[in-house]
Protein backbone atom coordinates (compact mmCIF):
# COMPACT_ATOMS: atom_id res chain seq x y z
CA MET A 1 103.76 87.74 62.63
CA SER A 2 101.11 88.82 60.12
CA GLN A 3 97.67 90.38 60.26
CA TYR A 4 95.03 89.64 57.60
CA ARG A 5 91.53 90.94 56.93
CA ILE A 6 88.48 88.72 57.42
CA TYR A 7 85.77 89.22 54.80
CA GLN A 8 82.02 88.62 54.91
CA ILE A 9 80.62 86.62 52.00
CA ASP A 10 76.87 87.02 51.52
CA HIS A 11 76.25 83.46 50.37
CA PHE A 12 75.64 80.24 52.25
CA ASP A 13 78.57 78.52 50.49
CA PRO A 14 81.57 80.79 49.78
CA ILE A 15 83.27 78.09 47.69
CA ILE A 16 80.51 78.31 45.07
CA VAL A 17 81.03 82.08 44.75
CA GLY A 18 84.73 81.66 44.02
CA ARG A 19 84.12 78.80 41.58
CA LYS A 20 81.54 80.84 39.61
CA ILE A 21 83.92 83.77 39.21
CA ARG A 22 86.79 81.46 38.17
CA VAL A 23 84.56 79.85 35.53
CA ARG A 24 83.52 83.26 34.19
CA VAL A 25 87.13 84.37 33.88
CA MET A 26 88.06 81.19 32.01
CA VAL A 27 85.08 81.56 29.65
CA TYR A 28 86.14 85.14 28.83
CA VAL A 29 89.72 84.03 28.23
CA ILE A 30 88.65 81.21 25.90
CA LEU A 31 85.97 83.29 24.19
CA ALA A 32 88.35 86.10 23.05
CA PRO A 33 90.35 84.17 20.44
CA VAL A 34 87.25 82.29 19.30
CA LEU A 35 85.45 85.57 18.58
CA VAL A 36 88.45 87.08 16.80
CA PHE A 37 88.96 84.02 14.58
CA SER A 38 85.27 83.69 13.78
CA PHE A 39 85.05 87.37 12.82
CA ALA A 40 88.21 87.03 10.70
CA PHE A 41 86.72 83.96 9.02
CA CYS A 42 83.50 85.87 8.24
CA VAL A 43 85.54 88.77 6.83
CA MET A 44 87.42 86.32 4.55
CA ILE A 45 84.21 84.64 3.35
CA LEU A 46 82.47 87.95 2.65
CA LYS A 47 85.69 89.32 1.08
CA ILE A 48 85.61 92.50 3.14
CA ASN A 49 88.79 94.46 3.82
CA ILE A 50 90.81 93.11 6.80
CA GLY A 51 91.09 96.68 8.06
CA MET A 52 87.45 96.30 9.08
CA LEU A 53 88.58 93.77 11.69
CA PHE A 54 90.94 96.24 13.29
CA ALA A 55 88.72 99.28 12.87
CA VAL A 56 85.39 97.95 14.13
CA PHE A 57 85.48 94.59 15.81
CA LEU A 58 88.64 94.75 17.95
CA PRO A 59 87.71 98.04 19.69
CA LEU A 60 84.24 96.66 20.44
CA LEU A 61 85.76 93.45 21.78
CA PHE A 62 88.23 95.44 23.88
CA ILE A 63 85.49 97.62 25.37
CA PHE A 64 83.37 94.55 26.14
CA TYR A 65 86.26 92.82 27.94
CA VAL A 66 87.26 95.90 29.92
CA TYR A 67 83.65 96.29 31.05
CA ARG A 68 83.23 92.59 31.98
CA PHE A 69 86.53 92.37 33.90
CA HIS A 70 85.76 95.64 35.66
CA LYS A 71 82.39 94.21 36.67
CA LEU A 72 84.03 90.99 37.92
CA GLY A 73 86.60 93.04 39.83
CA SER A 74 83.84 95.01 41.51
CA THR A 75 82.89 91.81 43.35
CA ASN A 76 86.22 91.96 45.14
CA ARG A 77 85.98 95.69 45.83
CA HIS A 78 82.55 95.36 47.44
CA LEU A 79 83.51 92.68 49.98
CA LYS A 80 82.90 93.84 53.52
CA VAL A 81 85.79 93.63 56.00
CA ILE A 82 84.42 92.34 59.29
CA GLY A 83 87.53 91.58 61.30
CA LYS A 84 91.21 90.71 61.58
CA LEU A 85 93.17 87.49 61.83
CA VAL A 86 96.64 87.57 63.38
CA PHE A 87 99.13 84.71 63.25
CA THR A 88 101.67 84.50 66.07
CA ARG A 89 104.21 81.85 67.05
CA THR A 90 101.89 80.54 69.78
CA GLY A 91 98.48 80.77 68.16
CA ILE A 92 95.91 82.56 66.06
CA LYS A 93 94.05 85.66 67.23
CA LYS A 94 90.73 86.36 65.56
CA SER A 95 88.73 89.51 66.15
CA ILE A 96 85.37 90.15 64.52
CA GLY A 97 83.75 93.37 65.63
CA ASP A 98 83.98 93.45 69.44
CA LEU A 99 84.46 89.69 69.76
CA SER A 100 88.03 88.47 70.12
CA MET A 101 89.13 84.83 70.19
CA ASP A 102 92.55 83.29 70.77
CA TYR A 103 93.34 79.82 69.44
CA ASP A 104 96.43 78.08 70.75
CA PHE A 105 98.21 75.83 68.23
CA GLN A 106 98.06 72.98 70.77
CA SER A 107 94.25 72.92 70.43
CA ILE A 108 94.36 72.93 66.60
CA LYS A 109 94.55 69.62 64.79
CA LYS A 110 94.79 70.88 61.20
CA ILE A 111 94.85 74.13 59.23
CA GLU A 112 93.69 74.08 55.60
CA LEU A 113 94.04 76.91 53.09
CA LYS A 114 91.98 76.88 49.88
CA LYS A 115 91.79 79.36 47.02
CA HIS A 116 88.62 81.41 46.97
CA LEU A 117 88.11 84.53 44.85
CA PRO A 118 90.55 85.19 42.02
CA VAL A 119 91.83 88.67 41.29
CA ALA A 120 89.26 89.46 38.62
CA GLY A 121 90.18 92.66 36.94
CA ILE A 122 92.73 94.31 34.77
CA SER A 123 95.33 94.53 37.55
CA GLY A 124 95.60 90.81 38.30
CA SER A 125 96.65 87.66 36.55
CA LEU A 126 94.80 84.36 36.34
CA SER A 127 97.03 82.73 38.95
CA ASP A 128 96.50 85.40 41.65
CA ASN A 129 93.83 85.12 44.31
CA PHE A 130 92.17 87.94 46.20
CA THR A 131 90.88 85.80 49.08
CA TYR A 132 91.47 82.37 50.56
CA ILE A 133 89.31 80.17 52.77
CA LEU A 134 91.16 79.30 55.96
CA ARG A 135 89.69 76.24 57.66
CA ILE A 136 90.76 75.45 61.21
CA ILE A 137 89.96 71.97 62.55
CA PHE A 138 90.28 71.53 66.30
CA PHE A 139 91.03 68.35 68.22
CA ASN A 140 87.39 68.13 69.31
CA SER A 141 86.52 67.86 65.55
CA SER A 142 84.79 71.23 65.37
CA PRO A 143 85.80 73.12 62.23
CA GLU A 144 85.79 76.85 61.61
CA ALA A 145 86.04 78.42 58.15
CA ILE A 146 87.11 82.03 57.60
CA VAL A 147 87.48 84.01 54.36
CA VAL A 148 90.78 85.90 54.63
CA SER A 149 92.72 88.26 52.39
CA TYR A 150 95.72 87.15 50.39
CA LEU A 151 97.94 90.06 51.40
CA PRO A 152 98.44 91.28 54.98
CA GLU A 153 97.05 94.54 56.26
CA ASP A 154 100.47 96.12 56.67
CA LYS A 155 101.03 95.78 52.90
CA LYS A 156 104.42 94.05 53.05
CA PRO A 157 104.90 93.00 49.44
CA ASN A 158 107.10 90.01 50.21
CA ILE A 159 104.81 88.01 52.50
CA ASN A 160 101.32 86.66 51.92
CA ILE A 161 99.09 84.15 53.67
CA VAL A 162 100.57 81.18 51.80
CA GLN A 163 104.10 82.15 52.81
CA THR A 164 102.95 82.79 56.38
CA LEU A 165 101.52 79.27 56.68
CA LYS A 166 104.65 77.77 55.09
CA THR A 167 106.71 79.60 57.73
CA LEU A 168 104.40 78.35 60.48
CA LYS A 169 105.05 74.76 59.36
CA ASN A 170 108.62 75.17 60.61
CA PHE A 171 107.56 76.36 64.07
CA ILE A 172 104.51 74.30 64.98
CA LYS A 173 103.52 70.64 64.94
CA THR A 174 100.00 71.29 63.64
CA GLU A 175 99.27 69.78 60.22
CA ILE A 176 99.01 72.49 57.57
CA SER A 177 97.69 71.84 54.05
CA ILE A 178 97.81 74.47 51.33
CA GLU A 179 95.88 74.12 48.06
CA SER A 180 98.05 75.33 45.22
């Protein structure tokens, strides 16, 4: 069906990395109107021309935000691809480097999909995610967590990992939970 990239996260807990970036993005979004209104309030108190707001402060604010979002987006660009994950009707094929593993859906108890890194940059919106954490729980209670890309490698614009797992729900009996 679909083939997705597996990424290496250089942190002991990948969930913390995604949470930190999401918090930073929300702080920047909340901070923009606060800064504009506080500067406008200072301009009104000091009785300076309102053109000063548009001539000085807004370009500086714009440059700051472009720089910060570019820096946040560089986190996503510098992730290292270490393998591929392929979903089929019978199972999941994972290949990392030279190691290849096949997981049959009959041996999988549950598949969980959680949001990980947001698309942090000028090109994305706040609701988009760059990566997801795919957690596979087997019947012998051993879990495996993998950081996978949102879009497939073949760049089909109409299917992503969330839609792939929703489609798999129709074909397999394995429990699938998707964090939205």
